[in-house]
Amino acid sequence: GYRTRRPVSPSIGFGRHRSYHENVIDHFENPRNVGSFDKDDLNVGTGLVGAPSCGDVMSLQIKVDDSGQFITDTRFKSFGYGSAIASSSVASEWIKGKAIEEVLTIKNAEIAKHLHLPPVELHCSMLAEDAIKSAVKNYKEKQAKANGGAAKET
């Protein structure tokens, strides 16, 4: 089906040839946690993932508390179809306030189910899962480097 990039008016991008679930439209028109943190902050982990075949790129950042256990805040930037933006927004909401080890259990299928993504757009939820894992890995690597050790595998 025909899909457009994020338009100036969000409502234009939906409903033309595919019916999107209200959860996708909500997160597309009102994305949560948009923006960025200082990537050099030791308490920030950055995950940058993309799917060159379709042009979807997402950056997901986590801010972790001083104990190193809980995600206190999140930010994302996403370029691509509405489903990629919605997947990023949902992921950023789901991981805020959670323990680092807990967010690593979030699966793309859960995000896809929540958004009712059609099969052709499941890659968007896969990117969101990968972005979470990448952000946690980046955070752990920065912490290990700062502490003079090696990062534990996730």
N, C-alpha and C. Protein backbone atom coordinates (compact mmCIF):
# COMPACT_ATOMS: atom_id res chain seq x y z
N GLY A 1 0.82 -1.19 0.00
CA GLY A 1 0.00 0.00 0.00
C GLY A 1 0.85 1.25 0.00
N TYR A 2 0.26 2.33 -0.37
CA TYR A 2 0.92 3.62 -0.43
C TYR A 2 1.05 4.21 0.96
N ARG A 3 2.24 4.68 1.31
CA ARG A 3 2.46 5.30 2.60
C ARG A 3 3.23 6.59 2.37
N THR A 4 2.95 7.59 3.18
CA THR A 4 3.65 8.86 3.05
C THR A 4 4.57 9.07 4.23
N ARG A 5 5.57 9.90 4.06
CA ARG A 5 6.41 10.31 5.17
C ARG A 5 5.58 11.22 6.07
N ARG A 6 6.08 11.50 7.26
CA ARG A 6 5.33 12.34 8.18
C ARG A 6 5.06 13.69 7.54
N PRO A 7 3.78 14.01 7.30
CA PRO A 7 3.43 15.26 6.64
C PRO A 7 3.36 16.42 7.62
N VAL A 8 3.20 17.63 7.07
CA VAL A 8 3.07 18.82 7.89
C VAL A 8 1.83 18.69 8.78
N SER A 9 0.74 18.25 8.19
CA SER A 9 -0.48 18.01 8.94
C SER A 9 -0.60 16.50 9.18
N PRO A 10 -0.43 16.05 10.44
CA PRO A 10 -0.40 14.61 10.69
C PRO A 10 -1.60 13.84 10.16
N SER A 11 -2.77 14.44 10.13
CA SER A 11 -3.95 13.71 9.71
C SER A 11 -3.90 13.33 8.24
N ILE A 12 -3.08 14.03 7.43
CA ILE A 12 -2.98 13.71 6.02
C ILE A 12 -2.34 12.35 5.80
N GLY A 13 -1.43 11.96 6.69
CA GLY A 13 -0.67 10.73 6.51
C GLY A 13 -1.43 9.46 6.77
N PHE A 14 -2.63 9.56 7.30
CA PHE A 14 -3.38 8.36 7.64
C PHE A 14 -4.72 8.32 6.93
N GLY A 15 -5.19 7.11 6.74
CA GLY A 15 -6.54 6.93 6.23
C GLY A 15 -6.66 7.01 4.72
N ARG A 16 -5.55 7.15 3.99
CA ARG A 16 -5.66 7.26 2.55
C ARG A 16 -5.91 5.90 1.92
N HIS A 17 -5.03 4.95 2.18
CA HIS A 17 -5.18 3.62 1.60
C HIS A 17 -5.13 2.52 2.64
N ARG A 18 -4.84 2.88 3.87
CA ARG A 18 -4.77 1.88 4.92
C ARG A 18 -5.44 2.46 6.15
N SER A 19 -6.19 1.65 6.84
CA SER A 19 -6.85 2.10 8.05
C SER A 19 -5.94 1.80 9.23
N TYR A 20 -5.49 2.85 9.92
CA TYR A 20 -4.61 2.69 11.07
C TYR A 20 -5.43 2.65 12.35
N HIS A 21 -4.97 1.87 13.30
CA HIS A 21 -5.61 1.78 14.59
C HIS A 21 -5.46 3.10 15.33
N GLU A 22 -6.42 3.40 16.18
CA GLU A 22 -6.39 4.67 16.92
C GLU A 22 -5.15 4.83 17.78
N ASN A 23 -4.55 3.72 18.25
CA ASN A 23 -3.32 3.83 19.05
C ASN A 23 -2.16 4.37 18.22
N VAL A 24 -2.08 3.96 16.95
CA VAL A 24 -1.03 4.48 16.06
C VAL A 24 -1.26 5.97 15.83
N ILE A 25 -2.48 6.33 15.51
CA ILE A 25 -2.80 7.73 15.23
C ILE A 25 -2.53 8.60 16.45
N ASP A 26 -2.90 8.12 17.63
CA ASP A 26 -2.68 8.88 18.87
C ASP A 26 -1.19 9.15 19.08
N HIS A 27 -0.36 8.11 18.97
CA HIS A 27 1.07 8.29 19.21
C HIS A 27 1.75 9.05 18.07
N PHE A 28 1.16 9.01 16.87
CA PHE A 28 1.71 9.76 15.75
C PHE A 28 1.39 11.25 15.90
N GLU A 29 0.15 11.54 16.24
CA GLU A 29 -0.26 12.95 16.35
C GLU A 29 0.17 13.58 17.66
N ASN A 30 0.34 12.77 18.70
CA ASN A 30 0.74 13.27 20.02
C ASN A 30 1.90 12.43 20.56
N PRO A 31 3.05 12.44 19.89
CA PRO A 31 4.16 11.59 20.34
C PRO A 31 4.66 12.01 21.72
N ARG A 32 4.99 11.03 22.53
CA ARG A 32 5.49 11.27 23.88
C ARG A 32 7.02 11.29 23.86
N ASN A 33 7.60 12.10 24.73
CA ASN A 33 9.04 12.09 25.00
C ASN A 33 9.92 12.40 23.78
N VAL A 34 9.47 13.28 22.92
CA VAL A 34 10.27 13.67 21.76
C VAL A 34 11.41 14.58 22.21
N GLY A 35 12.58 14.40 21.63
CA GLY A 35 13.71 15.26 21.95
C GLY A 35 14.96 14.44 22.16
N SER A 36 15.91 15.04 22.87
CA SER A 36 17.16 14.33 23.11
C SER A 36 17.82 14.81 24.39
N PHE A 37 18.68 13.96 24.92
CA PHE A 37 19.53 14.27 26.06
C PHE A 37 20.96 14.46 25.54
N ASP A 38 21.83 14.96 26.40
CA ASP A 38 23.25 15.06 26.07
C ASP A 38 23.82 13.65 25.98
N LYS A 39 24.24 13.25 24.79
CA LYS A 39 24.73 11.87 24.60
C LYS A 39 26.02 11.59 25.35
N ASP A 40 26.71 12.64 25.80
CA ASP A 40 27.95 12.46 26.54
C ASP A 40 27.73 12.29 28.05
N ASP A 41 26.50 12.51 28.51
CA ASP A 41 26.17 12.33 29.92
C ASP A 41 26.34 10.85 30.28
N LEU A 42 27.07 10.57 31.34
CA LEU A 42 27.33 9.18 31.73
C LEU A 42 26.06 8.43 32.11
N ASN A 43 25.02 9.15 32.53
CA ASN A 43 23.77 8.50 32.92
C ASN A 43 22.80 8.33 31.74
N VAL A 44 23.25 8.66 30.54
CA VAL A 44 22.41 8.56 29.36
C VAL A 44 22.93 7.47 28.43
N GLY A 45 22.02 6.63 27.98
CA GLY A 45 22.34 5.62 26.97
C GLY A 45 21.60 5.95 25.70
N THR A 46 22.27 5.84 24.57
CA THR A 46 21.67 6.19 23.28
C THR A 46 21.66 4.98 22.36
N GLY A 47 20.49 4.70 21.82
CA GLY A 47 20.35 3.64 20.84
C GLY A 47 19.93 4.24 19.52
N LEU A 48 20.73 4.04 18.49
CA LEU A 48 20.40 4.55 17.15
C LEU A 48 20.30 3.35 16.22
N VAL A 49 19.11 3.15 15.68
CA VAL A 49 18.87 1.99 14.81
C VAL A 49 18.15 2.46 13.56
N GLY A 50 18.28 1.67 12.51
CA GLY A 50 17.61 2.03 11.27
C GLY A 50 17.40 0.86 10.37
N ALA A 51 16.47 1.06 9.43
CA ALA A 51 16.18 0.07 8.40
C ALA A 51 16.36 0.75 7.06
N PRO A 52 17.57 0.68 6.50
CA PRO A 52 17.85 1.38 5.24
C PRO A 52 16.87 1.05 4.11
N SER A 53 16.33 -0.16 4.12
CA SER A 53 15.44 -0.56 3.04
C SER A 53 14.17 0.28 2.97
N CYS A 54 13.73 0.79 4.11
CA CYS A 54 12.49 1.57 4.10
C CYS A 54 12.70 3.00 4.59
N GLY A 55 13.89 3.32 5.08
CA GLY A 55 14.17 4.69 5.49
C GLY A 55 13.77 5.04 6.91
N ASP A 56 13.32 4.06 7.69
CA ASP A 56 12.96 4.33 9.08
C ASP A 56 14.23 4.37 9.93
N VAL A 57 14.40 5.44 10.69
CA VAL A 57 15.54 5.60 11.58
C VAL A 57 15.00 6.06 12.92
N MET A 58 15.51 5.46 14.01
CA MET A 58 15.06 5.90 15.31
C MET A 58 16.21 5.99 16.29
N SER A 59 16.16 7.07 17.07
CA SER A 59 17.11 7.28 18.16
C SER A 59 16.31 7.26 19.44
N LEU A 60 16.69 6.38 20.35
CA LEU A 60 16.01 6.27 21.64
C LEU A 60 17.06 6.46 22.72
N GLN A 61 16.78 7.36 23.66
CA GLN A 61 17.72 7.61 24.75
C GLN A 61 17.05 7.33 26.09
N ILE A 62 17.85 6.77 26.98
CA ILE A 62 17.39 6.53 28.35
C ILE A 62 18.27 7.34 29.30
N LYS A 63 17.65 7.83 30.36
CA LYS A 63 18.41 8.47 31.44
C LYS A 63 18.22 7.58 32.66
N VAL A 64 19.35 7.16 33.24
CA VAL A 64 19.33 6.18 34.33
C VAL A 64 19.68 6.88 35.64
N ASP A 65 19.05 6.44 36.72
CA ASP A 65 19.32 7.05 38.03
C ASP A 65 20.73 6.71 38.50
N ASP A 66 21.17 7.37 39.56
CA ASP A 66 22.54 7.19 40.05
C ASP A 66 22.83 5.77 40.53
N SER A 67 21.79 5.02 40.89
CA SER A 67 22.00 3.64 41.32
C SER A 67 22.34 2.73 40.13
N GLY A 68 22.04 3.21 38.93
CA GLY A 68 22.30 2.42 37.73
C GLY A 68 21.28 1.34 37.48
N GLN A 69 20.13 1.42 38.16
CA GLN A 69 19.14 0.36 38.04
C GLN A 69 17.85 0.77 37.33
N PHE A 70 17.45 2.04 37.45
CA PHE A 70 16.15 2.45 36.95
C PHE A 70 16.23 3.56 35.91
N ILE A 71 15.38 3.47 34.90
CA ILE A 71 15.30 4.49 33.86
C ILE A 71 14.37 5.58 34.37
N THR A 72 14.90 6.77 34.54
CA THR A 72 14.10 7.87 35.09
C THR A 72 13.42 8.70 34.01
N ASP A 73 13.98 8.70 32.80
CA ASP A 73 13.40 9.51 31.73
C ASP A 73 13.84 8.95 30.38
N THR A 74 13.10 9.31 29.34
CA THR A 74 13.40 8.83 28.00
C THR A 74 13.16 9.94 26.98
N ARG A 75 13.85 9.84 25.86
CA ARG A 75 13.64 10.75 24.74
C ARG A 75 13.82 9.95 23.45
N PHE A 76 13.10 10.37 22.40
CA PHE A 76 13.31 9.71 21.12
C PHE A 76 13.18 10.73 19.99
N LYS A 77 13.82 10.37 18.89
CA LYS A 77 13.64 11.06 17.62
C LYS A 77 13.48 9.95 16.59
N SER A 78 12.53 10.14 15.70
CA SER A 78 12.26 9.11 14.71
C SER A 78 11.96 9.74 13.37
N PHE A 79 12.52 9.16 12.33
CA PHE A 79 12.22 9.59 10.98
C PHE A 79 11.69 8.39 10.24
N GLY A 80 10.54 8.56 9.63
CA GLY A 80 9.98 7.45 8.89
C GLY A 80 8.47 7.51 8.88
N TYR A 81 7.88 6.38 8.65
CA TYR A 81 6.43 6.29 8.58
C TYR A 81 5.79 6.48 9.94
N GLY A 82 4.50 6.72 9.93
CA GLY A 82 3.76 6.92 11.17
C GLY A 82 3.91 5.78 12.15
N SER A 83 4.02 4.56 11.64
CA SER A 83 4.16 3.40 12.51
C SER A 83 5.51 3.40 13.23
N ALA A 84 6.55 3.93 12.59
CA ALA A 84 7.86 4.03 13.24
C ALA A 84 7.82 5.06 14.36
N ILE A 85 7.19 6.19 14.10
CA ILE A 85 7.06 7.23 15.12
C ILE A 85 6.23 6.71 16.28
N ALA A 86 5.12 6.05 15.98
CA ALA A 86 4.26 5.51 17.03
C ALA A 86 4.98 4.44 17.84
N SER A 87 5.74 3.57 17.18
CA SER A 87 6.48 2.52 17.88
C SER A 87 7.51 3.13 18.82
N SER A 88 8.21 4.17 18.36
CA SER A 88 9.19 4.85 19.20
C SER A 88 8.54 5.49 20.41
N SER A 89 7.40 6.13 20.18
CA SER A 89 6.69 6.81 21.26
C SER A 89 6.22 5.82 22.32
N VAL A 90 5.64 4.70 21.87
CA VAL A 90 5.18 3.67 22.80
C VAL A 90 6.36 3.11 23.59
N ALA A 91 7.45 2.80 22.91
CA ALA A 91 8.62 2.25 23.60
C ALA A 91 9.13 3.22 24.65
N SER A 92 9.18 4.51 24.31
CA SER A 92 9.68 5.50 25.26
C SER A 92 8.80 5.59 26.50
N GLU A 93 7.51 5.40 26.32
CA GLU A 93 6.58 5.42 27.45
C GLU A 93 6.71 4.18 28.31
N TRP A 94 6.82 3.03 27.66
CA TRP A 94 6.85 1.76 28.38
C TRP A 94 8.09 1.58 29.23
N ILE A 95 9.21 2.17 28.85
CA ILE A 95 10.44 1.93 29.59
C ILE A 95 10.70 2.95 30.70
N LYS A 96 10.00 4.06 30.66
CA LYS A 96 10.21 5.09 31.68
C LYS A 96 9.77 4.58 33.05
N GLY A 97 10.68 4.72 34.04
CA GLY A 97 10.37 4.29 35.39
C GLY A 97 10.64 2.82 35.67
N LYS A 98 11.05 2.09 34.64
CA LYS A 98 11.28 0.66 34.79
C LYS A 98 12.77 0.37 35.08
N ALA A 99 13.00 -0.82 35.62
CA ALA A 99 14.37 -1.28 35.85
C ALA A 99 15.00 -1.63 34.50
N ILE A 100 16.30 -1.38 34.39
CA ILE A 100 17.02 -1.66 33.14
C ILE A 100 16.82 -3.10 32.69
N GLU A 101 16.97 -4.03 33.61
CA GLU A 101 16.85 -5.44 33.22
C GLU A 101 15.43 -5.78 32.77
N GLU A 102 14.45 -5.08 33.33
CA GLU A 102 13.05 -5.33 32.96
C GLU A 102 12.77 -4.89 31.53
N VAL A 103 13.32 -3.74 31.11
CA VAL A 103 13.01 -3.24 29.76
C VAL A 103 13.62 -4.12 28.68
N LEU A 104 14.64 -4.87 29.03
CA LEU A 104 15.24 -5.77 28.05
C LEU A 104 14.32 -6.94 27.70
N THR A 105 13.26 -7.12 28.47
CA THR A 105 12.31 -8.20 28.19
C THR A 105 11.17 -7.75 27.28
N ILE A 106 11.09 -6.46 26.97
CA ILE A 106 10.04 -5.96 26.09
C ILE A 106 10.30 -6.47 24.68
N LYS A 107 9.29 -7.06 24.09
CA LYS A 107 9.43 -7.65 22.75
C LYS A 107 8.66 -6.84 21.73
N ASN A 108 9.16 -6.90 20.50
CA ASN A 108 8.51 -6.16 19.42
C ASN A 108 7.06 -6.59 19.23
N ALA A 109 6.77 -7.86 19.49
CA ALA A 109 5.40 -8.36 19.31
C ALA A 109 4.43 -7.64 20.24
N GLU A 110 4.89 -7.27 21.45
CA GLU A 110 4.03 -6.55 22.39
C GLU A 110 3.71 -5.15 21.87
N ILE A 111 4.72 -4.49 21.32
CA ILE A 111 4.51 -3.15 20.77
C ILE A 111 3.58 -3.23 19.56
N ALA A 112 3.84 -4.19 18.69
CA ALA A 112 3.02 -4.36 17.49
C ALA A 112 1.57 -4.67 17.85
N LYS A 113 1.38 -5.50 18.87
CA LYS A 113 0.01 -5.85 19.29
C LYS A 113 -0.71 -4.63 19.85
N HIS A 114 -0.01 -3.83 20.66
CA HIS A 114 -0.61 -2.63 21.24
C HIS A 114 -1.05 -1.65 20.15
N LEU A 115 -0.23 -1.54 19.11
CA LEU A 115 -0.53 -0.59 18.04
C LEU A 115 -1.37 -1.20 16.92
N HIS A 116 -1.59 -2.51 16.98
CA HIS A 116 -2.33 -3.22 15.92
C HIS A 116 -1.65 -2.99 14.57
N LEU A 117 -0.32 -3.15 14.53
CA LEU A 117 0.42 -2.92 13.29
C LEU A 117 0.12 -4.02 12.28
N PRO A 118 -0.05 -3.63 11.02
CA PRO A 118 -0.21 -4.65 9.98
C PRO A 118 1.12 -5.34 9.74
N PRO A 119 1.11 -6.57 9.22
CA PRO A 119 2.35 -7.33 9.03
C PRO A 119 3.44 -6.58 8.26
N VAL A 120 3.05 -5.79 7.28
CA VAL A 120 4.03 -5.07 6.46
C VAL A 120 4.80 -4.02 7.27
N GLU A 121 4.30 -3.67 8.45
CA GLU A 121 4.96 -2.64 9.26
C GLU A 121 5.51 -3.18 10.58
N LEU A 122 5.62 -4.48 10.70
CA LEU A 122 6.17 -5.07 11.92
C LEU A 122 7.63 -4.68 12.15
N HIS A 123 8.34 -4.34 11.07
CA HIS A 123 9.73 -3.92 11.23
C HIS A 123 9.85 -2.69 12.12
N CYS A 124 8.81 -1.86 12.18
CA CYS A 124 8.84 -0.67 13.03
C CYS A 124 8.92 -1.05 14.50
N SER A 125 8.16 -2.05 14.90
CA SER A 125 8.21 -2.49 16.29
C SER A 125 9.53 -3.21 16.57
N MET A 126 10.09 -3.89 15.57
CA MET A 126 11.39 -4.54 15.74
C MET A 126 12.48 -3.49 15.96
N LEU A 127 12.40 -2.38 15.24
CA LEU A 127 13.35 -1.30 15.44
C LEU A 127 13.26 -0.75 16.85
N ALA A 128 12.04 -0.62 17.37
CA ALA A 128 11.85 -0.09 18.72
C ALA A 128 12.49 -1.02 19.75
N GLU A 129 12.29 -2.33 19.60
CA GLU A 129 12.92 -3.29 20.51
C GLU A 129 14.45 -3.19 20.41
N ASP A 130 14.95 -3.10 19.19
CA ASP A 130 16.40 -2.98 19.00
C ASP A 130 16.94 -1.69 19.60
N ALA A 131 16.17 -0.62 19.50
CA ALA A 131 16.60 0.68 20.03
C ALA A 131 16.71 0.63 21.55
N ILE A 132 15.77 -0.05 22.21
CA ILE A 132 15.82 -0.20 23.66
C ILE A 132 17.11 -0.94 24.05
N LYS A 133 17.35 -2.07 23.41
CA LYS A 133 18.54 -2.87 23.72
C LYS A 133 19.83 -2.11 23.44
N SER A 134 19.83 -1.36 22.35
CA SER A 134 21.01 -0.58 21.98
C SER A 134 21.28 0.53 22.99
N ALA A 135 20.22 1.18 23.47
CA ALA A 135 20.38 2.26 24.46
C ALA A 135 20.92 1.71 25.78
N VAL A 136 20.41 0.56 26.21
CA VAL A 136 20.90 -0.07 27.44
C VAL A 136 22.35 -0.49 27.28
N LYS A 137 22.68 -1.07 26.14
CA LYS A 137 24.07 -1.49 25.89
C LYS A 137 25.00 -0.28 25.91
N ASN A 138 24.60 0.81 25.27
CA ASN A 138 25.42 2.02 25.25
C ASN A 138 25.63 2.56 26.66
N TYR A 139 24.57 2.58 27.45
CA TYR A 139 24.67 3.04 28.84
C TYR A 139 25.67 2.18 29.62
N LYS A 140 25.53 0.86 29.51
CA LYS A 140 26.41 -0.05 30.25
C LYS A 140 27.86 0.08 29.80
N GLU A 141 28.07 0.25 28.51
CA GLU A 141 29.44 0.43 28.01
C GLU A 141 30.07 1.72 28.55
N LYS A 142 29.29 2.80 28.58
CA LYS A 142 29.80 4.07 29.11
C LYS A 142 30.13 3.95 30.59
N GLN A 143 29.28 3.26 31.33
CA GLN A 143 29.51 3.08 32.76
C GLN A 143 30.76 2.24 33.00
N ALA A 144 30.91 1.18 32.22
CA ALA A 144 32.08 0.30 32.37
C ALA A 144 33.36 1.06 32.05
N LYS A 145 33.33 1.84 30.99
CA LYS A 145 34.50 2.61 30.60
C LYS A 145 34.86 3.63 31.69
N ALA A 146 33.85 4.28 32.24
CA ALA A 146 34.06 5.28 33.30
C ALA A 146 34.63 4.63 34.56
N ASN A 147 34.26 3.36 34.78
CA ASN A 147 34.71 2.65 35.97
C ASN A 147 35.93 1.77 35.71
N GLY A 148 36.46 1.85 34.49
CA GLY A 148 37.68 1.13 34.15
C GLY A 148 37.52 -0.36 33.92
N GLY A 149 36.30 -0.80 33.65
CA GLY A 149 36.07 -2.24 33.44
C GLY A 149 35.40 -2.50 32.10
N ALA A 150 35.00 -3.72 31.91
CA ALA A 150 34.32 -4.10 30.68
C ALA A 150 32.81 -4.17 30.94
N ALA A 151 32.03 -3.87 29.92
CA ALA A 151 30.58 -3.90 30.06
C ALA A 151 30.09 -5.35 30.14
N LYS A 152 29.07 -5.55 30.98
CA LYS A 152 28.46 -6.87 31.05
C LYS A 152 27.55 -7.04 29.85
N GLU A 153 27.53 -8.23 29.29
CA GLU A 153 26.67 -8.50 28.14
C GLU A 153 25.22 -8.50 28.59
N THR A 154 24.35 -8.00 27.71
CA THR A 154 22.91 -7.98 28.01
C THR A 154 22.20 -9.06 27.26
